[in-house]
Amino acid sequence: MQTPEYHIFVCNSFRVSGEPQGICNKKGAVDLLQYLENEILDRGLDAMISSTGCLKACEHGPIMIIYPKGWWYGGVTENKIDDILDALEDCEACSDLLINN
């Protein structure tokens, strides 16, 4: 199996029981998944997406993390995804949206 260049995690605030709760979910993170997938395919990026349980950064939700770079983004929206992926295409972080710099 060949691993992708990037692995993108989107917090959906899932609890151990699998039930979605929390800030990221309430702020529409689940709706970002399809948009993100479409954008990755349209841009031809070598990336996969995973929806996650709570990432414990609720004050910044919705949260998106790009590995292996370790870039954490907060307050993610479709418009911000566009900016983040524009930078990713150049192998750069969208530094003005990072929450861990």
PDB file of N, CA and C in Angstrom:
ATOM      1  N   MET A   1       0.837  -1.182   0.000  1.00  0.00           N
ATOM      2  CA  MET A   1       0.000   0.000   0.000  1.00  0.00           C
ATOM      3  C   MET A   1       0.884   1.250   0.000  1.00  0.00           C
ATOM      4  N   GLN A   2       0.595   2.145  -0.885  1.00  0.00           N
ATOM      5  CA  GLN A   2       1.324   3.405  -0.937  1.00  0.00           C
ATOM      6  C   GLN A   2       0.579   4.434  -0.084  1.00  0.00           C
ATOM      7  N   THR A   3       1.303   5.073   0.807  1.00  0.00           N
ATOM      8  CA  THR A   3       0.666   6.066   1.673  1.00  0.00           C
ATOM      9  C   THR A   3       0.597   7.412   0.964  1.00  0.00           C
ATOM     10  N   PRO A   4      -0.435   8.206   1.262  1.00  0.00           N
ATOM     11  CA  PRO A   4      -0.567   9.514   0.618  1.00  0.00           C
ATOM     12  C   PRO A   4       0.466  10.489   1.176  1.00  0.00           C
ATOM     13  N   GLU A   5       0.711  11.533   0.422  1.00  0.00           N
ATOM     14  CA  GLU A   5       1.639  12.575   0.859  1.00  0.00           C
ATOM     15  C   GLU A   5       1.102  13.318   2.082  1.00  0.00           C
ATOM     16  N   TYR A   6      -0.209  13.525   2.119  1.00  0.00           N
ATOM     17  CA  TYR A   6      -0.833  14.247   3.225  1.00  0.00           C
ATOM     18  C   TYR A   6      -2.012  13.448   3.780  1.00  0.00           C
ATOM     19  N   HIS A   7      -2.191  13.543   5.080  1.00  0.00           N
ATOM     20  CA  HIS A   7      -3.364  12.976   5.736  1.00  0.00           C
ATOM     21  C   HIS A   7      -4.030  14.128   6.476  1.00  0.00           C
ATOM     22  N   ILE A   8      -5.262  14.405   6.108  1.00  0.00           N
ATOM     23  CA  ILE A   8      -6.001  15.534   6.663  1.00  0.00           C
ATOM     24  C   ILE A   8      -7.068  15.016   7.610  1.00  0.00           C
ATOM     25  N   PHE A   9      -7.023  15.510   8.840  1.00  0.00           N
ATOM     26  CA  PHE A   9      -7.988  15.134   9.860  1.00  0.00           C
ATOM     27  C   PHE A   9      -8.937  16.291  10.104  1.00  0.00           C
ATOM     28  N   VAL A  10     -10.230  15.993  10.162  1.00  0.00           N
ATOM     29  CA  VAL A  10     -11.238  17.007  10.455  1.00  0.00           C
ATOM     30  C   VAL A  10     -11.982  16.559  11.708  1.00  0.00           C
ATOM     31  N   CYS A  11     -11.929  17.385  12.741  1.00  0.00           N
ATOM     32  CA  CYS A  11     -12.618  17.062  13.988  1.00  0.00           C
ATOM     33  C   CYS A  11     -14.125  17.134  13.762  1.00  0.00           C
ATOM     34  N   ASN A  12     -14.796  16.055  14.153  1.00  0.00           N
ATOM     35  CA  ASN A  12     -16.259  16.038  14.121  1.00  0.00           C
ATOM     36  C   ASN A  12     -16.832  15.754  15.493  1.00  0.00           C
ATOM     37  N   SER A  13     -15.990  15.854  16.511  1.00  0.00           N
ATOM     38  CA  SER A  13     -16.422  15.778  17.907  1.00  0.00           C
ATOM     39  C   SER A  13     -17.118  14.473  18.264  1.00  0.00           C
ATOM     40  N   PHE A  14     -16.771  13.382  17.574  1.00  0.00           N
ATOM     41  CA  PHE A  14     -17.395  12.104  17.895  1.00  0.00           C
ATOM     42  C   PHE A  14     -16.936  11.643  19.266  1.00  0.00           C
ATOM     43  N   ARG A  15     -17.844  11.101  20.044  1.00  0.00           N
ATOM     44  CA  ARG A  15     -17.539  10.562  21.358  1.00  0.00           C
ATOM     45  C   ARG A  15     -17.277   9.060  21.242  1.00  0.00           C
ATOM     46  N   VAL A  16     -16.843   8.451  22.299  1.00  0.00           N
ATOM     47  CA  VAL A  16     -16.512   7.024  22.302  1.00  0.00           C
ATOM     48  C   VAL A  16     -17.685   6.191  21.787  1.00  0.00           C
ATOM     49  N   SER A  17     -18.891   6.595  22.104  1.00  0.00           N
ATOM     50  CA  SER A  17     -20.085   5.866  21.659  1.00  0.00           C
ATOM     51  C   SER A  17     -20.350   6.037  20.173  1.00  0.00           C
ATOM     52  N   GLY A  18     -19.590   6.936  19.523  1.00  0.00           N
ATOM     53  CA  GLY A  18     -19.792   7.211  18.101  1.00  0.00           C
ATOM     54  C   GLY A  18     -20.766   8.334  17.840  1.00  0.00           C
ATOM     55  N   GLU A  19     -21.346   8.873  18.898  1.00  0.00           N
ATOM     56  CA  GLU A  19     -22.330   9.935  18.760  1.00  0.00           C
ATOM     57  C   GLU A  19     -21.634  11.285  18.551  1.00  0.00           C
ATOM     58  N   PRO A  20     -22.012  12.026  17.490  1.00  0.00           N
ATOM     59  CA  PRO A  20     -21.408  13.338  17.271  1.00  0.00           C
ATOM     60  C   PRO A  20     -21.973  14.368  18.242  1.00  0.00           C
ATOM     61  N   GLN A  21     -21.100  15.044  18.932  1.00  0.00           N
ATOM     62  CA  GLN A  21     -21.479  16.109  19.845  1.00  0.00           C
ATOM     63  C   GLN A  21     -20.391  17.164  19.757  1.00  0.00           C
ATOM     64  N   GLY A  22     -20.480  18.180  20.547  1.00  0.00           N
ATOM     65  CA  GLY A  22     -19.390  19.125  20.651  1.00  0.00           C
ATOM     66  C   GLY A  22     -19.405  20.239  19.628  1.00  0.00           C
ATOM     67  N   ILE A  23     -18.467  21.141  19.825  1.00  0.00           N
ATOM     68  CA  ILE A  23     -18.401  22.399  19.071  1.00  0.00           C
ATOM     69  C   ILE A  23     -18.176  22.192  17.576  1.00  0.00           C
ATOM     70  N   CYS A  24     -17.169  21.408  17.204  1.00  0.00           N
ATOM     71  CA  CYS A  24     -16.867  21.241  15.778  1.00  0.00           C
ATOM     72  C   CYS A  24     -18.064  20.697  15.016  1.00  0.00           C
ATOM     73  N   ASN A  25     -18.710  19.690  15.593  1.00  0.00           N
ATOM     74  CA  ASN A  25     -19.882  19.122  14.942  1.00  0.00           C
ATOM     75  C   ASN A  25     -21.008  20.143  14.850  1.00  0.00           C
ATOM     76  N   LYS A  26     -21.241  20.861  15.932  1.00  0.00           N
ATOM     77  CA  LYS A  26     -22.316  21.858  15.941  1.00  0.00           C
ATOM     78  C   LYS A  26     -22.051  23.011  14.990  1.00  0.00           C
ATOM     79  N   LYS A  27     -20.772  23.256  14.686  1.00  0.00           N
ATOM     80  CA  LYS A  27     -20.408  24.329  13.756  1.00  0.00           C
ATOM     81  C   LYS A  27     -20.288  23.834  12.315  1.00  0.00           C
ATOM     82  N   GLY A  28     -20.759  22.614  12.033  1.00  0.00           N
ATOM     83  CA  GLY A  28     -20.861  22.146  10.654  1.00  0.00           C
ATOM     84  C   GLY A  28     -19.654  21.436  10.086  1.00  0.00           C
ATOM     85  N   ALA A  29     -18.798  20.898  10.936  1.00  0.00           N
ATOM     86  CA  ALA A  29     -17.598  20.224  10.437  1.00  0.00           C
ATOM     87  C   ALA A  29     -17.927  19.060   9.510  1.00  0.00           C
ATOM     88  N   VAL A  30     -19.003  18.344   9.791  1.00  0.00           N
ATOM     89  CA  VAL A  30     -19.347  17.195   8.957  1.00  0.00           C
ATOM     90  C   VAL A  30     -19.637  17.629   7.520  1.00  0.00           C
ATOM     91  N   ASP A  31     -20.178  18.817   7.342  1.00  0.00           N
ATOM     92  CA  ASP A  31     -20.466  19.324   5.999  1.00  0.00           C
ATOM     93  C   ASP A  31     -19.200  19.693   5.235  1.00  0.00           C
ATOM     94  N   LEU A  32     -18.086  19.891   5.946  1.00  0.00           N
ATOM     95  CA  LEU A  32     -16.827  20.256   5.298  1.00  0.00           C
ATOM     96  C   LEU A  32     -16.160  19.058   4.623  1.00  0.00           C
ATOM     97  N   LEU A  33     -16.489  17.852   5.074  1.00  0.00           N
ATOM     98  CA  LEU A  33     -15.813  16.658   4.567  1.00  0.00           C
ATOM     99  C   LEU A  33     -15.988  16.467   3.066  1.00  0.00           C
ATOM    100  N   GLN A  34     -17.199  16.565   2.566  1.00  0.00           N
ATOM    101  CA  GLN A  34     -17.436  16.370   1.135  1.00  0.00           C
ATOM    102  C   GLN A  34     -16.808  17.487   0.314  1.00  0.00           C
ATOM    103  N   TYR A  35     -16.917  18.716   0.814  1.00  0.00           N
ATOM    104  CA  TYR A  35     -16.296  19.842   0.106  1.00  0.00           C
ATOM    105  C   TYR A  35     -14.786  19.620   0.013  1.00  0.00           C
ATOM    106  N   LEU A  36     -14.179  19.247   1.122  1.00  0.00           N
ATOM    107  CA  LEU A  36     -12.740  19.000   1.166  1.00  0.00           C
ATOM    108  C   LEU A  36     -12.346  17.875   0.210  1.00  0.00           C
ATOM    109  N   GLU A  37     -13.097  16.791   0.215  1.00  0.00           N
ATOM    110  CA  GLU A  37     -12.814  15.674  -0.689  1.00  0.00           C
ATOM    111  C   GLU A  37     -12.890  16.118  -2.151  1.00  0.00           C
ATOM    112  N   ASN A  38     -13.916  16.861  -2.503  1.00  0.00           N
ATOM    113  CA  ASN A  38     -14.058  17.342  -3.874  1.00  0.00           C
ATOM    114  C   ASN A  38     -12.895  18.233  -4.279  1.00  0.00           C
ATOM    115  N   GLU A  39     -12.490  19.126  -3.384  1.00  0.00           N
ATOM    116  CA  GLU A  39     -11.381  20.037  -3.681  1.00  0.00           C
ATOM    117  C   GLU A  39     -10.066  19.278  -3.852  1.00  0.00           C
ATOM    118  N   ILE A  40      -9.835  18.288  -3.025  1.00  0.00           N
ATOM    119  CA  ILE A  40      -8.611  17.487  -3.137  1.00  0.00           C
ATOM    120  C   ILE A  40      -8.569  16.764  -4.480  1.00  0.00           C
ATOM    121  N   LEU A  41      -9.695  16.183  -4.874  1.00  0.00           N
ATOM    122  CA  LEU A  41      -9.760  15.495  -6.164  1.00  0.00           C
ATOM    123  C   LEU A  41      -9.596  16.467  -7.322  1.00  0.00           C
ATOM    124  N   ASP A  42     -10.278  17.614  -7.272  1.00  0.00           N
ATOM    125  CA  ASP A  42     -10.183  18.615  -8.338  1.00  0.00           C
ATOM    126  C   ASP A  42      -8.757  19.132  -8.514  1.00  0.00           C
ATOM    127  N   ARG A  43      -8.038  19.246  -7.412  1.00  0.00           N
ATOM    128  CA  ARG A  43      -6.681  19.791  -7.448  1.00  0.00           C
ATOM    129  C   ARG A  43      -5.620  18.718  -7.701  1.00  0.00           C
ATOM    130  N   GLY A  44      -6.028  17.454  -7.642  1.00  0.00           N
ATOM    131  CA  GLY A  44      -5.087  16.365  -7.856  1.00  0.00           C
ATOM    132  C   GLY A  44      -4.075  16.202  -6.725  1.00  0.00           C
ATOM    133  N   LEU A  45      -4.469  16.604  -5.518  1.00  0.00           N
ATOM    134  CA  LEU A  45      -3.581  16.456  -4.368  1.00  0.00           C
ATOM    135  C   LEU A  45      -3.520  15.002  -3.914  1.00  0.00           C
ATOM    136  N   ASP A  46      -2.353  14.580  -3.478  1.00  0.00           N
ATOM    137  CA  ASP A  46      -2.172  13.224  -2.956  1.00  0.00           C
ATOM    138  C   ASP A  46      -2.455  13.274  -1.463  1.00  0.00           C
ATOM    139  N   ALA A  47      -3.744  13.192  -1.111  1.00  0.00           N
ATOM    140  CA  ALA A  47      -4.159  13.351   0.283  1.00  0.00           C
ATOM    141  C   ALA A  47      -5.367  12.475   0.564  1.00  0.00           C
ATOM    142  N   MET A  48      -5.472  12.067   1.821  1.00  0.00           N
ATOM    143  CA  MET A  48      -6.667  11.369   2.269  1.00  0.00           C
ATOM    144  C   MET A  48      -7.244  12.132   3.451  1.00  0.00           C
ATOM    145  N   ILE A  49      -8.535  11.934   3.714  1.00  0.00           N
ATOM    146  CA  ILE A  49      -9.240  12.651   4.766  1.00  0.00           C
ATOM    147  C   ILE A  49      -9.777  11.648   5.772  1.00  0.00           C
ATOM    148  N   SER A  50      -9.670  12.017   7.049  1.00  0.00           N
ATOM    149  CA  SER A  50     -10.280  11.225   8.114  1.00  0.00           C
ATOM    150  C   SER A  50     -11.070  12.155   9.018  1.00  0.00           C
ATOM    151  N   SER A  51     -12.255  11.707   9.390  1.00  0.00           N
ATOM    152  CA  SER A  51     -13.062  12.407  10.378  1.00  0.00           C
ATOM    153  C   SER A  51     -12.668  11.857  11.737  1.00  0.00           C
ATOM    154  N   THR A  52     -12.548  12.728  12.727  1.00  0.00           N
ATOM    155  CA  THR A  52     -12.040  12.286  14.027  1.00  0.00           C
ATOM    156  C   THR A  52     -13.007  12.556  15.163  1.00  0.00           C
ATOM    157  N   GLY A  53     -12.653  11.988  16.296  1.00  0.00           N
ATOM    158  CA  GLY A  53     -13.291  12.340  17.550  1.00  0.00           C
ATOM    159  C   GLY A  53     -12.776  13.699  17.983  1.00  0.00           C
ATOM    160  N   CYS A  54     -13.134  14.106  19.168  1.00  0.00           N
ATOM    161  CA  CYS A  54     -12.763  15.423  19.680  1.00  0.00           C
ATOM    162  C   CYS A  54     -11.243  15.574  19.761  1.00  0.00           C
ATOM    163  N   LEU A  55     -10.742  16.697  19.255  1.00  0.00           N
ATOM    164  CA  LEU A  55      -9.311  16.987  19.270  1.00  0.00           C
ATOM    165  C   LEU A  55      -8.925  17.940  20.402  1.00  0.00           C
ATOM    166  N   LYS A  56      -9.884  18.248  21.266  1.00  0.00           N
ATOM    167  CA  LYS A  56      -9.632  19.044  22.481  1.00  0.00           C
ATOM    168  C   LYS A  56      -9.128  20.462  22.188  1.00  0.00           C
ATOM    169  N   ALA A  57      -9.593  21.032  21.108  1.00  0.00           N
ATOM    170  CA  ALA A  57      -9.280  22.429  20.783  1.00  0.00           C
ATOM    171  C   ALA A  57     -10.586  23.136  20.428  1.00  0.00           C
ATOM    172  N   CYS A  58     -11.604  22.889  21.242  1.00  0.00           N
ATOM    173  CA  CYS A  58     -12.968  23.337  20.963  1.00  0.00           C
ATOM    174  C   CYS A  58     -13.073  24.843  20.723  1.00  0.00           C
ATOM    175  N   GLU A  59     -12.261  25.617  21.414  1.00  0.00           N
ATOM    176  CA  GLU A  59     -12.334  27.073  21.265  1.00  0.00           C
ATOM    177  C   GLU A  59     -11.957  27.537  19.864  1.00  0.00           C
ATOM    178  N   HIS A  60     -11.367  26.632  19.060  1.00  0.00           N
ATOM    179  CA  HIS A  60     -10.963  26.986  17.700  1.00  0.00           C
ATOM    180  C   HIS A  60     -11.797  26.279  16.631  1.00  0.00           C
ATOM    181  N   GLY A  61     -12.825  25.531  17.011  1.00  0.00           N
ATOM    182  CA  GLY A  61     -13.538  24.670  16.076  1.00  0.00           C
ATOM    183  C   GLY A  61     -14.248  25.392  14.954  1.00  0.00           C
ATOM    184  N   PRO A  62     -14.476  24.698  13.867  1.00  0.00           N
ATOM    185  CA  PRO A  62     -14.003  23.378  13.493  1.00  0.00           C
ATOM    186  C   PRO A  62     -12.480  23.353  13.255  1.00  0.00           C
ATOM    187  N   ILE A  63     -11.884  22.231  13.623  1.00  0.00           N
ATOM    188  CA  ILE A  63     -10.443  22.025  13.531  1.00  0.00           C
ATOM    189  C   ILE A  63     -10.115  21.117  12.357  1.00  0.00           C
ATOM    190  N   MET A  64      -9.010  21.442  11.672  1.00  0.00           N
ATOM    191  CA  MET A  64      -8.476  20.595  10.612  1.00  0.00           C
ATOM    192  C   MET A  64      -6.971  20.520  10.809  1.00  0.00           C
ATOM    193  N   ILE A  65      -6.412  19.307  10.721  1.00  0.00           N
ATOM    194  CA  ILE A  65      -4.976  19.103  10.888  1.00  0.00           C
ATOM    195  C   ILE A  65      -4.427  18.431   9.637  1.00  0.00           C
ATOM    196  N   ILE A  66      -3.277  18.898   9.190  1.00  0.00           N
ATOM    197  CA  ILE A  66      -2.623  18.285   8.033  1.00  0.00           C
ATOM    198  C   ILE A  66      -1.317  17.652   8.492  1.00  0.00           C
ATOM    199  N   TYR A  67      -1.246  16.325   8.297  1.00  0.00           N
ATOM    200  CA  TYR A  67      -0.024  15.573   8.610  1.00  0.00           C
ATOM    201  C   TYR A  67       0.589  15.079   7.321  1.00  0.00           C
ATOM    202  N   PRO A  68       1.902  14.935   7.253  1.00  0.00           N
ATOM    203  CA  PRO A  68       2.834  14.882   8.359  1.00  0.00           C
ATOM    204  C   PRO A  68       3.348  16.248   8.821  1.00  0.00           C
ATOM    205  N   LYS A  69       2.855  17.312   8.249  1.00  0.00           N
ATOM    206  CA  LYS A  69       3.356  18.649   8.596  1.00  0.00           C
ATOM    207  C   LYS A  69       2.988  19.076  10.014  1.00  0.00           C
ATOM    208  N   GLY A  70       1.873  18.579  10.538  1.00  0.00           N
ATOM    209  CA  GLY A  70       1.443  18.971  11.877  1.00  0.00           C
ATOM    210  C   GLY A  70       0.830  20.359  11.923  1.00  0.00           C
ATOM    211  N   TRP A  71       0.232  20.778  10.827  1.00  0.00           N
ATOM    212  CA  TRP A  71      -0.404  22.096  10.752  1.00  0.00           C
ATOM    213  C   TRP A  71      -1.833  22.005  11.258  1.00  0.00           C
ATOM    214  N   TRP A  72      -2.155  22.764  12.305  1.00  0.00           N
ATOM    215  CA  TRP A  72      -3.492  22.812  12.890  1.00  0.00           C
ATOM    216  C   TRP A  72      -4.173  24.099  12.450  1.00  0.00           C
ATOM    217  N   TYR A  73      -5.379  23.964  11.903  1.00  0.00           N
ATOM    218  CA  TYR A  73      -6.167  25.115  11.466  1.00  0.00           C
ATOM    219  C   TYR A  73      -7.472  25.154  12.248  1.00  0.00           C
ATOM    220  N   GLY A  74      -7.901  26.356  12.605  1.00  0.00           N
ATOM    221  CA  GLY A  74      -9.137  26.513  13.349  1.00  0.00           C
ATOM    222  C   GLY A  74     -10.131  27.400  12.636  1.00  0.00           C
ATOM    223  N   GLY A  75     -11.387  27.295  13.074  1.00  0.00           N
ATOM    224  CA  GLY A  75     -12.450  28.088  12.473  1.00  0.00           C
ATOM    225  C   GLY A  75     -12.614  27.788  10.997  1.00  0.00           C
ATOM    226  N   VAL A  76     -12.412  26.531  10.631  1.00  0.00           N
ATOM    227  CA  VAL A  76     -12.388  26.142   9.217  1.00  0.00           C
ATOM    228  C   VAL A  76     -13.768  26.281   8.581  1.00  0.00           C
ATOM    229  N   THR A  77     -13.760  26.885   7.407  1.00  0.00           N
ATOM    230  CA  THR A  77     -14.948  27.046   6.561  1.00  0.00           C
ATOM    231  C   THR A  77     -14.561  26.626   5.138  1.00  0.00           C
ATOM    232  N   GLU A  78     -15.516  26.577   4.242  1.00  0.00           N
ATOM    233  CA  GLU A  78     -15.192  26.251   2.855  1.00  0.00           C
ATOM    234  C   GLU A  78     -14.210  27.265   2.275  1.00  0.00           C
ATOM    235  N   ASN A  79     -14.412  28.547   2.551  1.00  0.00           N
ATOM    236  CA  ASN A  79     -13.491  29.571   2.036  1.00  0.00           C
ATOM    237  C   ASN A  79     -12.083  29.383   2.581  1.00  0.00           C
ATOM    238  N   LYS A  80     -11.984  29.034   3.857  1.00  0.00           N
ATOM    239  CA  LYS A  80     -10.668  28.803   4.450  1.00  0.00           C
ATOM    240  C   LYS A  80     -10.023  27.539   3.887  1.00  0.00           C
ATOM    241  N   ILE A  81     -10.832  26.529   3.594  1.00  0.00           N
ATOM    242  CA  ILE A  81     -10.297  25.316   2.959  1.00  0.00           C
ATOM    243  C   ILE A  81      -9.641  25.677   1.641  1.00  0.00           C
ATOM    244  N   ASP A  82     -10.278  26.541   0.871  1.00  0.00           N
ATOM    245  CA  ASP A  82      -9.683  26.968  -0.396  1.00  0.00           C
ATOM    246  C   ASP A  82      -8.313  27.596  -0.173  1.00  0.00           C
ATOM    247  N   ASP A  83      -8.203  28.482   0.804  1.00  0.00           N
ATOM    248  CA  ASP A  83      -6.925  29.131   1.104  1.00  0.00           C
ATOM    249  C   ASP A  83      -5.884  28.126   1.590  1.00  0.00           C
ATOM    250  N   ILE A  84      -6.306  27.213   2.447  1.00  0.00           N
ATOM    251  CA  ILE A  84      -5.397  26.198   2.990  1.00  0.00           C
ATOM    252  C   ILE A  84      -4.880  25.296   1.870  1.00  0.00           C
ATOM    253  N   LEU A  85      -5.770  24.850   0.986  1.00  0.00           N
ATOM    254  CA  LEU A  85      -5.344  23.972  -0.107  1.00  0.00           C
ATOM    255  C   LEU A  85      -4.524  24.712  -1.150  1.00  0.00           C
ATOM    256  N   ASP A  86      -4.805  26.000  -1.366  1.00  0.00           N
ATOM    257  CA  ASP A  86      -3.959  26.803  -2.260  1.00  0.00           C
ATOM    258  C   ASP A  86      -2.514  26.781  -1.765  1.00  0.00           C
ATOM    259  N   ALA A  87      -2.336  26.980  -0.465  1.00  0.00           N
ATOM    260  CA  ALA A  87      -0.987  26.966   0.125  1.00  0.00           C
ATOM    261  C   ALA A  87      -0.399  25.556   0.067  1.00  0.00           C
ATOM    262  N   LEU A  88      -1.218  24.550   0.332  1.00  0.00           N
ATOM    263  CA  LEU A  88      -0.731  23.173   0.331  1.00  0.00           C
ATOM    264  C   LEU A  88      -0.218  22.766  -1.047  1.00  0.00           C
ATOM    265  N   GLU A  89      -0.851  23.276  -2.094  1.00  0.00           N
ATOM    266  CA  GLU A  89      -0.384  22.979  -3.452  1.00  0.00           C
ATOM    267  C   GLU A  89       1.049  23.455  -3.665  1.00  0.00           C
ATOM    268  N   ASP A  90       1.463  24.462  -2.913  1.00  0.00           N
ATOM    269  CA  ASP A  90       2.834  24.973  -2.964  1.00  0.00           C
ATOM    270  C   ASP A  90       3.687  24.409  -1.826  1.00  0.00           C
ATOM    271  N   CYS A  91       3.172  23.352  -1.165  1.00  0.00           N
ATOM    272  CA  CYS A  91       3.859  22.708  -0.027  1.00  0.00           C
ATOM    273  C   CYS A  91       4.135  23.696   1.101  1.00  0.00           C
ATOM    274  N   GLU A  92       3.212  24.621   1.305  1.00  0.00           N
ATOM    275  CA  GLU A  92       3.355  25.622   2.351  1.00  0.00           C
ATOM    276  C   GLU A  92       2.131  25.614   3.252  1.00  0.00           C
ATOM    277  N   ALA A  93       2.314  26.145   4.456  1.00  0.00           N
ATOM    278  CA  ALA A  93       1.199  26.344   5.370  1.00  0.00           C
ATOM    279  C   ALA A  93       0.513  27.657   5.025  1.00  0.00           C
ATOM    280  N   CYS A  94      -0.756  27.730   5.304  1.00  0.00           N
ATOM    281  CA  CYS A  94      -1.489  28.990   5.213  1.00  0.00           C
ATOM    282  C   CYS A  94      -1.323  29.639   6.595  1.00  0.00           C
ATOM    283  N   SER A  95      -0.202  30.315   6.786  1.00  0.00           N
ATOM    284  CA  SER A  95       0.249  30.726   8.120  1.00  0.00           C
ATOM    285  C   SER A  95      -0.719  31.632   8.865  1.00  0.00           C
ATOM    286  N   ASP A  96      -1.509  32.427   8.160  1.00  0.00           N
ATOM    287  CA  ASP A  96      -2.427  33.317   8.869  1.00  0.00           C
ATOM    288  C   ASP A  96      -3.631  32.579   9.449  1.00  0.00           C
ATOM    289  N   LEU A  97      -3.821  31.303   9.101  1.00  0.00           N
ATOM    290  CA  LEU A  97      -4.925  30.513   9.633  1.00  0.00           C
ATOM    291  C   LEU A  97      -4.478  29.460  10.648  1.00  0.00           C
ATOM    292  N   LEU A  98      -3.166  29.301  10.830  1.00  0.00           N
ATOM    293  CA  LEU A  98      -2.657  28.313  11.777  1.00  0.00           C
ATOM    294  C   LEU A  98      -3.017  28.685  13.203  1.00  0.00           C
ATOM    295  N   ILE A  99      -3.315  27.669  14.008  1.00  0.00           N
ATOM    296  CA  ILE A  99      -3.565  27.929  15.432  1.00  0.00           C
ATOM    297  C   ILE A  99      -2.438  27.382  16.295  1.00  0.00           C
ATOM    298  N   ASN A 100      -1.423  26.767  15.688  1.00  0.00           N
ATOM    299  CA  ASN A 100      -0.325  26.191  16.463  1.00  0.00           C
ATOM    300  C   ASN A 100       1.033  26.755  16.080  1.00  0.00           C
ATOM    301  N   ASN A 101       1.064  28.005  15.651  1.00  0.00           N
ATOM    302  CA  ASN A 101       2.364  28.559  15.242  1.00  0.00           C
ATOM    303  C   ASN A 101       2.977  29.376  16.349  1.00  0.00           C
TER     304      ASN A 101
END
